PDB file of all heavy atoms in Angstrom:
ATOM      1  N   CYS A   1     121.165  96.299   9.962  1.00  0.00           N
ATOM      2  CA  CYS A   1     121.433  97.623  10.468  1.00  0.00           C
ATOM      3  C   CYS A   1     122.307  97.514  11.764  1.00  0.00           C
ATOM      4  O   CYS A   1     123.267  98.288  11.895  1.00  0.00           O
ATOM      5  CB  CYS A   1     120.166  98.415  10.732  1.00  0.00           C
ATOM      6  SG  CYS A   1     119.279  98.936   9.229  1.00  0.00           S
ATOM      7  N   ALA A   2     121.926  96.634  12.668  1.00  0.00           N
ATOM      8  CA  ALA A   2     122.704  96.411  13.882  1.00  0.00           C
ATOM      9  C   ALA A   2     124.058  95.873  13.594  1.00  0.00           C
ATOM     10  O   ALA A   2     125.059  96.299  14.144  1.00  0.00           O
ATOM     11  CB  ALA A   2     121.919  95.514  14.790  1.00  0.00           C
ATOM     12  N   ALA A   3     124.130  94.981  12.574  1.00  0.00           N
ATOM     13  CA  ALA A   3     125.431  94.364  12.288  1.00  0.00           C
ATOM     14  C   ALA A   3     126.404  95.403  11.722  1.00  0.00           C
ATOM     15  O   ALA A   3     127.603  95.438  12.070  1.00  0.00           O
ATOM     16  CB  ALA A   3     125.260  93.280  11.211  1.00  0.00           C
ATOM     17  N   ILE A   4     125.881  96.319  10.849  1.00  0.00           N
ATOM     18  CA  ILE A   4     126.739  97.334  10.333  1.00  0.00           C
ATOM     19  C   ILE A   4     127.300  98.288  11.328  1.00  0.00           C
ATOM     20  O   ILE A   4     128.475  98.714  11.244  1.00  0.00           O
ATOM     21  CB  ILE A   4     125.984  98.122   9.181  1.00  0.00           C
ATOM     22  CG1 ILE A   4     125.923  97.240   7.924  1.00  0.00           C
ATOM     23  CG2 ILE A   4     126.628  99.404   8.907  1.00  0.00           C
ATOM     24  CD1 ILE A   4     125.047  97.806   6.858  1.00  0.00           C
ATOM     25  N   VAL A   5     126.496  98.662  12.362  1.00  0.00           N
ATOM     26  CA  VAL A   5     127.010  99.622  13.343  1.00  0.00           C
ATOM     27  C   VAL A   5     127.699  98.938  14.527  1.00  0.00           C
ATOM     28  O   VAL A   5     128.296  99.634  15.335  1.00  0.00           O
ATOM     29  CB  VAL A   5     125.819 100.480  13.898  1.00  0.00           C
ATOM     30  CG1 VAL A   5     125.185 101.254  12.762  1.00  0.00           C
ATOM     31  CG2 VAL A   5     124.830  99.719  14.691  1.00  0.00           C
ATOM     32  N   SER A   6     127.639  97.607  14.590  1.00  0.00           N
ATOM     33  CA  SER A   6     128.121  96.948  15.851  1.00  0.00           C
ATOM     34  C   SER A   6     129.623  97.155  16.020  1.00  0.00           C
ATOM     35  O   SER A   6     130.123  97.320  17.171  1.00  0.00           O
ATOM     36  CB  SER A   6     127.859  95.384  15.684  1.00  0.00           C
ATOM     37  OG  SER A   6     128.562  94.868  14.540  1.00  0.00           O
ATOM     38  N   GLY A   7     130.412  97.293  14.898  1.00  0.00           N
ATOM     39  CA  GLY A   7     131.831  97.572  15.024  1.00  0.00           C
ATOM     40  C   GLY A   7     132.145  99.011  15.516  1.00  0.00           C
ATOM     41  O   GLY A   7     133.338  99.286  15.852  1.00  0.00           O
ATOM     42  N   LEU A   8     131.111  99.864  15.487  1.00  0.00           N
ATOM     43  CA  LEU A   8     131.370 101.262  15.870  1.00  0.00           C
ATOM     44  C   LEU A   8     131.285 101.403  17.409  1.00  0.00           C
ATOM     45  O   LEU A   8     131.572 102.458  17.921  1.00  0.00           O
ATOM     46  CB  LEU A   8     130.328 102.191  15.221  1.00  0.00           C
ATOM     47  CG  LEU A   8     130.448 102.280  13.710  1.00  0.00           C
ATOM     48  CD1 LEU A   8     129.256 103.013  13.133  1.00  0.00           C
ATOM     49  CD2 LEU A   8     131.751 102.976  13.323  1.00  0.00           C
ATOM     50  N   VAL A   9     130.787 100.413  18.079  1.00  0.00           N
ATOM     51  CA  VAL A   9     130.690 100.422  19.560  1.00  0.00           C
ATOM     52  C   VAL A   9     132.105 100.226  20.095  1.00  0.00           C
ATOM     53  O   VAL A   9     132.856  99.308  19.613  1.00  0.00           O
ATOM     54  CB  VAL A   9     129.704  99.414  20.118  1.00  0.00           C
ATOM     55  CG1 VAL A   9     129.700  99.421  21.634  1.00  0.00           C
ATOM     56  CG2 VAL A   9     128.346  99.617  19.569  1.00  0.00           C
ATOM     57  N   GLY A  10     132.520 100.954  21.107  1.00  0.00           N
ATOM     58  CA  GLY A  10     133.821 100.796  21.657  1.00  0.00           C
ATOM     59  C   GLY A  10     134.046  99.395  22.222  1.00  0.00           C
ATOM     60  O   GLY A  10     133.142  98.784  22.754  1.00  0.00           O
ATOM     61  N   PRO A  11     135.304  98.865  22.132  1.00  0.00           N
ATOM     62  CA  PRO A  11     135.554  97.486  22.499  1.00  0.00           C
ATOM     63  C   PRO A  11     135.362  97.133  23.983  1.00  0.00           C
ATOM     64  O   PRO A  11     135.117  96.062  24.337  1.00  0.00           O
ATOM     65  CB  PRO A  11     137.012  97.266  22.101  1.00  0.00           C
ATOM     66  CG  PRO A  11     137.588  98.651  22.066  1.00  0.00           C
ATOM     67  CD  PRO A  11     136.494  99.581  21.607  1.00  0.00           C
ATOM     68  N   ASP A  12     135.385  98.182  24.833  1.00  0.00           N
ATOM     69  CA  ASP A  12     135.252  97.947  26.274  1.00  0.00           C
ATOM     70  C   ASP A  12     133.946  98.339  26.798  1.00  0.00           C
ATOM     71  O   ASP A  12     133.689  98.311  28.006  1.00  0.00           O
ATOM     72  CB  ASP A  12     136.307  98.868  27.019  1.00  0.00           C
ATOM     73  CG  ASP A  12     137.754  98.481  26.579  1.00  0.00           C
ATOM     74  OD1 ASP A  12     138.028  97.267  26.400  1.00  0.00           O
ATOM     75  OD2 ASP A  12     138.606  99.370  26.553  1.00  0.00           O
ATOM     76  N   ALA A  13     133.000  98.592  25.876  1.00  0.00           N
ATOM     77  CA  ALA A  13     131.600  98.890  26.316  1.00  0.00           C
ATOM     78  C   ALA A  13     131.028  97.694  27.098  1.00  0.00           C
ATOM     79  O   ALA A  13     131.111  96.607  26.698  1.00  0.00           O
ATOM     80  CB  ALA A  13     130.763  99.202  25.133  1.00  0.00           C
ATOM     81  N   PRO A  14     130.291  98.013  28.240  1.00  0.00           N
ATOM     82  CA  PRO A  14     129.664  96.856  28.931  1.00  0.00           C
ATOM     83  C   PRO A  14     128.667  96.171  28.061  1.00  0.00           C
ATOM     84  O   PRO A  14     127.983  96.758  27.268  1.00  0.00           O
ATOM     85  CB  PRO A  14     128.947  97.590  30.115  1.00  0.00           C
ATOM     86  CG  PRO A  14     129.657  98.897  30.241  1.00  0.00           C
ATOM     87  CD  PRO A  14     130.100  99.254  28.840  1.00  0.00           C
ATOM     88  N   ASP A  15     128.558  94.852  28.197  1.00  0.00           N
ATOM     89  CA  ASP A  15     127.647  93.998  27.347  1.00  0.00           C
ATOM     90  C   ASP A  15     126.205  94.561  27.405  1.00  0.00           C
ATOM     91  O   ASP A  15     125.539  94.605  26.383  1.00  0.00           O
ATOM     92  CB  ASP A  15     127.697  92.575  27.743  1.00  0.00           C
ATOM     93  CG  ASP A  15     128.638  91.741  26.889  1.00  0.00           C
ATOM     94  OD1 ASP A  15     129.336  92.365  26.073  1.00  0.00           O
ATOM     95  OD2 ASP A  15     128.681  90.482  27.042  1.00  0.00           O
ATOM     96  N   LYS A  16     125.733  94.868  28.557  1.00  0.00           N
ATOM     97  CA  LYS A  16     124.390  95.361  28.743  1.00  0.00           C
ATOM     98  C   LYS A  16     124.113  96.566  27.845  1.00  0.00           C
ATOM     99  O   LYS A  16     123.082  96.598  27.057  1.00  0.00           O
ATOM    100  CB  LYS A  16     124.068  95.629  30.175  1.00  0.00           C
ATOM    101  CG  LYS A  16     122.695  96.177  30.403  1.00  0.00           C
ATOM    102  CD  LYS A  16     122.443  96.500  31.866  1.00  0.00           C
ATOM    103  CE  LYS A  16     121.033  97.095  32.115  1.00  0.00           C
ATOM    104  NZ  LYS A  16     120.933  98.449  31.525  1.00  0.00           N
ATOM    105  N   GLU A  17     124.919  97.598  27.917  1.00  0.00           N
ATOM    106  CA  GLU A  17     124.727  98.786  27.162  1.00  0.00           C
ATOM    107  C   GLU A  17     125.045  98.583  25.672  1.00  0.00           C
ATOM    108  O   GLU A  17     124.350  99.158  24.817  1.00  0.00           O
ATOM    109  CB  GLU A  17     125.600  99.873  27.757  1.00  0.00           C
ATOM    110  CG  GLU A  17     125.006 100.545  28.980  1.00  0.00           C
ATOM    111  CD  GLU A  17     125.170  99.687  30.235  1.00  0.00           C
ATOM    112  OE1 GLU A  17     125.934  98.721  30.261  1.00  0.00           O
ATOM    113  OE2 GLU A  17     124.407 100.013  31.187  1.00  0.00           O
ATOM    114  N   ARG A  18     126.013  97.718  25.381  1.00  0.00           N
ATOM    115  CA  ARG A  18     126.321  97.419  23.989  1.00  0.00           C
ATOM    116  C   ARG A  18     125.117  96.871  23.262  1.00  0.00           C
ATOM    117  O   ARG A  18     124.673  97.284  22.196  1.00  0.00           O
ATOM    118  CB  ARG A  18     127.508  96.453  23.886  1.00  0.00           C
ATOM    119  CG  ARG A  18     127.800  96.000  22.503  1.00  0.00           C
ATOM    120  CD  ARG A  18     128.743  94.813  22.438  1.00  0.00           C
ATOM    121  NE  ARG A  18     130.038  95.140  23.118  1.00  0.00           N
ATOM    122  CZ  ARG A  18     130.996  95.797  22.512  1.00  0.00           C
ATOM    123  NH1 ARG A  18     130.961  96.106  21.251  1.00  0.00           N
ATOM    124  NH2 ARG A  18     132.125  96.123  23.129  1.00  0.00           N
ATOM    125  N   TRP A  19     124.514  95.876  23.905  1.00  0.00           N
ATOM    126  CA  TRP A  19     123.391  95.167  23.222  1.00  0.00           C
ATOM    127  C   TRP A  19     122.123  95.977  23.245  1.00  0.00           C
ATOM    128  O   TRP A  19     121.267  95.849  22.380  1.00  0.00           O
ATOM    129  CB  TRP A  19     123.250  93.771  23.813  1.00  0.00           C
ATOM    130  CG  TRP A  19     124.269  92.843  23.297  1.00  0.00           C
ATOM    131  CD1 TRP A  19     125.364  92.447  23.966  1.00  0.00           C
ATOM    132  CD2 TRP A  19     124.328  92.256  21.971  1.00  0.00           C
ATOM    133  NE1 TRP A  19     126.133  91.636  23.158  1.00  0.00           N
ATOM    134  CE2 TRP A  19     125.529  91.496  21.963  1.00  0.00           C
ATOM    135  CE3 TRP A  19     123.527  92.344  20.902  1.00  0.00           C
ATOM    136  CZ2 TRP A  19     125.905  90.873  20.805  1.00  0.00           C
ATOM    137  CZ3 TRP A  19     123.880  91.610  19.762  1.00  0.00           C
ATOM    138  CH2 TRP A  19     125.073  90.921  19.762  1.00  0.00           C
ATOM    139  N   GLU A  20     121.931  96.817  24.238  1.00  0.00           N
ATOM    140  CA  GLU A  20     120.780  97.726  24.218  1.00  0.00           C
ATOM    141  C   GLU A  20     120.899  98.713  23.124  1.00  0.00           C
ATOM    142  O   GLU A  20     119.927  99.003  22.403  1.00  0.00           O
ATOM    143  CB  GLU A  20     120.603  98.383  25.590  1.00  0.00           C
ATOM    144  CG  GLU A  20     119.346  99.314  25.572  1.00  0.00           C
ATOM    145  CD  GLU A  20     119.049  99.858  26.926  1.00  0.00           C
ATOM    146  OE1 GLU A  20     119.615  99.425  27.950  1.00  0.00           O
ATOM    147  OE2 GLU A  20     118.214 100.840  26.983  1.00  0.00           O
ATOM    148  N   THR A  21     122.109  99.199  22.847  1.00  0.00           N
ATOM    149  CA  THR A  21     122.335 100.119  21.765  1.00  0.00           C
ATOM    150  C   THR A  21     121.994  99.431  20.484  1.00  0.00           C
ATOM    151  O   THR A  21     121.382 100.051  19.531  1.00  0.00           O
ATOM    152  CB  THR A  21     123.840 100.665  21.791  1.00  0.00           C
ATOM    153  OG1 THR A  21     124.031 101.359  23.009  1.00  0.00           O
ATOM    154  CG2 THR A  21     124.106 101.501  20.581  1.00  0.00           C
ATOM    155  N   LEU A  22     122.457  98.224  20.196  1.00  0.00           N
ATOM    156  CA  LEU A  22     122.204  97.516  18.994  1.00  0.00           C
ATOM    157  C   LEU A  22     120.707  97.108  18.886  1.00  0.00           C
ATOM    158  O   LEU A  22     120.189  97.124  17.765  1.00  0.00           O
ATOM    159  CB  LEU A  22     123.048  96.226  18.962  1.00  0.00           C
ATOM    160  CG  LEU A  22     124.580  96.505  18.856  1.00  0.00           C
ATOM    161  CD1 LEU A  22     125.352  95.186  18.847  1.00  0.00           C
ATOM    162  CD2 LEU A  22     124.935  97.424  17.734  1.00  0.00           C
ATOM    163  N   TRP A  23     120.020  96.883  19.939  1.00  0.00           N
ATOM    164  CA  TRP A  23     118.639  96.568  19.987  1.00  0.00           C
ATOM    165  C   TRP A  23     117.814  97.666  19.327  1.00  0.00           C
ATOM    166  O   TRP A  23     116.887  97.530  18.550  1.00  0.00           O
ATOM    167  CB  TRP A  23     118.094  96.248  21.327  1.00  0.00           C
ATOM    168  CG  TRP A  23     116.635  95.869  21.380  1.00  0.00           C
ATOM    169  CD1 TRP A  23     115.654  96.603  21.890  1.00  0.00           C
ATOM    170  CD2 TRP A  23     116.048  94.678  20.914  1.00  0.00           C
ATOM    171  NE1 TRP A  23     114.433  95.974  21.794  1.00  0.00           N
ATOM    172  CE2 TRP A  23     114.621  94.771  21.156  1.00  0.00           C
ATOM    173  CE3 TRP A  23     116.499  93.536  20.292  1.00  0.00           C
ATOM    174  CZ2 TRP A  23     113.688  93.830  20.866  1.00  0.00           C
ATOM    175  CZ3 TRP A  23     115.587  92.547  19.932  1.00  0.00           C
ATOM    176  CH2 TRP A  23     114.218  92.677  20.181  1.00  0.00           C
ATOM    177  N   HIS A  24     118.219  98.949  19.643  1.00  0.00           N
ATOM    178  CA  HIS A  24     117.509 100.070  19.025  1.00  0.00           C
ATOM    179  C   HIS A  24     117.594 100.023  17.526  1.00  0.00           C
ATOM    180  O   HIS A  24     116.619 100.408  16.805  1.00  0.00           O
ATOM    181  CB  HIS A  24     118.147 101.435  19.565  1.00  0.00           C
ATOM    182  CG  HIS A  24     118.078 101.498  21.001  1.00  0.00           C
ATOM    183  ND1 HIS A  24     118.903 102.402  21.740  1.00  0.00           N
ATOM    184  CD2 HIS A  24     117.320 100.985  22.027  1.00  0.00           C
ATOM    185  CE1 HIS A  24     118.638 102.365  23.035  1.00  0.00           C
ATOM    186  NE2 HIS A  24     117.655 101.475  23.196  1.00  0.00           N
ATOM    187  N   TYR A  25     118.698  99.644  16.987  1.00  0.00           N
ATOM    188  CA  TYR A  25     118.906  99.536  15.536  1.00  0.00           C
ATOM    189  C   TYR A  25     118.079  98.360  14.994  1.00  0.00           C
ATOM    190  O   TYR A  25     117.588  98.481  13.878  1.00  0.00           O
ATOM    191  CB  TYR A  25     120.345  99.389  15.222  1.00  0.00           C
ATOM    192  CG  TYR A  25     121.053 100.734  15.086  1.00  0.00           C
ATOM    193  CD1 TYR A  25     121.556 101.402  16.211  1.00  0.00           C
ATOM    194  CD2 TYR A  25     121.011 101.445  13.844  1.00  0.00           C
ATOM    195  CE1 TYR A  25     122.085 102.675  16.093  1.00  0.00           C
ATOM    196  CE2 TYR A  25     121.619 102.695  13.790  1.00  0.00           C
ATOM    197  CZ  TYR A  25     122.081 103.295  14.840  1.00  0.00           C
ATOM    198  OH  TYR A  25     122.607 104.566  14.786  1.00  0.00           O
ATOM    199  N   MET A  26     117.949  97.274  15.688  1.00  0.00           N
ATOM    200  CA  MET A  26     117.198  96.171  15.233  1.00  0.00           C
ATOM    201  C   MET A  26     115.743  96.444  15.092  1.00  0.00           C
ATOM    202  O   MET A  26     114.993  95.809  14.369  1.00  0.00           O
ATOM    203  CB  MET A  26     117.399  94.978  16.157  1.00  0.00           C
ATOM    204  CG  MET A  26     118.825  94.382  16.173  1.00  0.00           C
ATOM    205  SD  MET A  26     118.927  93.017  17.363  1.00  0.00           S
ATOM    206  CE  MET A  26     120.698  92.851  17.475  1.00  0.00           C
ATOM    207  N   GLN A  27     115.292  97.547  15.732  1.00  0.00           N
ATOM    208  CA  GLN A  27     113.833  97.844  15.852  1.00  0.00           C
ATOM    209  C   GLN A  27     113.499  98.935  14.801  1.00  0.00           C
ATOM    210  O   GLN A  27     112.321  99.348  14.713  1.00  0.00           O
ATOM    211  CB  GLN A  27     113.482  98.310  17.212  1.00  0.00           C
ATOM    212  CG  GLN A  27     113.445  97.228  18.251  1.00  0.00           C
ATOM    213  CD  GLN A  27     112.973  97.733  19.593  1.00  0.00           C
ATOM    214  OE1 GLN A  27     113.392  98.783  20.084  1.00  0.00           O
ATOM    215  NE2 GLN A  27     112.081  96.935  20.227  1.00  0.00           N
ATOM    216  N   GLY A  28     114.418  99.431  14.089  1.00  0.00           N
ATOM    217  CA  GLY A  28     114.114 100.517  13.121  1.00  0.00           C
ATOM    218  C   GLY A  28     113.177 100.046  11.966  1.00  0.00           C
ATOM    219  O   GLY A  28     113.126  98.929  11.575  1.00  0.00           O
ATOM    220  N   GLY A  29     112.407 101.071  11.487  1.00  0.00           N
ATOM    221  CA  GLY A  29     111.521 100.796  10.401  1.00  0.00           C
ATOM    222  C   GLY A  29     112.222 100.501   9.093  1.00  0.00           C
ATOM    223  O   GLY A  29     113.318 100.927   8.897  1.00  0.00           O
ATOM    224  N   PRO A  30     111.537  99.854   8.133  1.00  0.00           N
ATOM    225  CA  PRO A  30     112.177  99.494   6.870  1.00  0.00           C
ATOM    226  C   PRO A  30     112.635 100.770   6.073  1.00  0.00           C
ATOM    227  O   PRO A  30     111.904 101.694   5.869  1.00  0.00           O
ATOM    228  CB  PRO A  30     111.032  98.835   6.019  1.00  0.00           C
ATOM    229  CG  PRO A  30     110.085  98.331   7.128  1.00  0.00           C
ATOM    230  CD  PRO A  30     110.158  99.369   8.252  1.00  0.00           C
ATOM    231  N   GLY A  31     113.928 100.794   5.784  1.00  0.00           N
ATOM    232  CA  GLY A  31     114.451 101.867   4.952  1.00  0.00           C
ATOM    233  C   GLY A  31     114.746 103.145   5.702  1.00  0.00           C
ATOM    234  O   GLY A  31     115.272 104.142   5.127  1.00  0.00           O
ATOM    235  N   VAL A  32     114.463 103.249   7.042  1.00  0.00           N
ATOM    236  CA  VAL A  32     114.686 104.448   7.777  1.00  0.00           C
ATOM    237  C   VAL A  32     116.146 104.710   7.997  1.00  0.00           C
ATOM    238  O   VAL A  32     116.650 105.907   7.738  1.00  0.00           O
ATOM    239  CB  VAL A  32     113.992 104.366   9.148  1.00  0.00           C
ATOM    240  CG1 VAL A  32     114.345 105.600  10.003  1.00  0.00           C
ATOM    241  CG2 VAL A  32     112.431 104.301   8.892  1.00  0.00           C
ATOM    242  N   PHE A  33     116.935 103.746   8.390  1.00  0.00           N
ATOM    243  CA  PHE A  33     118.386 103.941   8.545  1.00  0.00           C
ATOM    244  C   PHE A  33     119.028 104.398   7.212  1.00  0.00           C
ATOM    245  O   PHE A  33     119.833 105.400   7.169  1.00  0.00           O
ATOM    246  CB  PHE A  33     119.082 102.685   9.071  1.00  0.00           C
ATOM    247  CG  PHE A  33     120.563 102.821   9.424  1.00  0.00           C
ATOM    248  CD1 PHE A  33     121.081 103.965   9.893  1.00  0.00           C
ATOM    249  CD2 PHE A  33     121.340 101.685   9.354  1.00  0.00           C
ATOM    250  CE1 PHE A  33     122.354 104.109  10.244  1.00  0.00           C
ATOM    251  CE2 PHE A  33     122.682 101.813   9.690  1.00  0.00           C
ATOM    252  CZ  PHE A  33     123.246 102.969  10.164  1.00  0.00           C
ATOM    253  N   LYS A  34     118.638 103.748   6.145  1.00  0.00           N
ATOM    254  CA  LYS A  34     119.104 104.130   4.794  1.00  0.00           C
ATOM    255  C   LYS A  34     118.757 105.628   4.467  1.00  0.00           C
ATOM    256  O   LYS A  34     119.555 106.392   3.971  1.00  0.00           O
ATOM    257  CB  LYS A  34     118.555 103.204   3.753  1.00  0.00           C
ATOM    258  CG  LYS A  34     119.042 103.471   2.346  1.00  0.00           C
ATOM    259  CD  LYS A  34     118.406 102.575   1.332  1.00  0.00           C
ATOM    260  CE  LYS A  34     118.828 102.880  -0.104  1.00  0.00           C
ATOM    261  NZ  LYS A  34     118.177 102.107  -1.107  1.00  0.00           N
TER     262      LYS A  34
END
């Protein structure tokens, strides 16, 4: 889930905020994003 949305983050986003945004996706329940 995080991999699929990772390209949607702007290229100049600070690393801290970029990876916190992706961490939220890594924590999603099974099948919830789908």
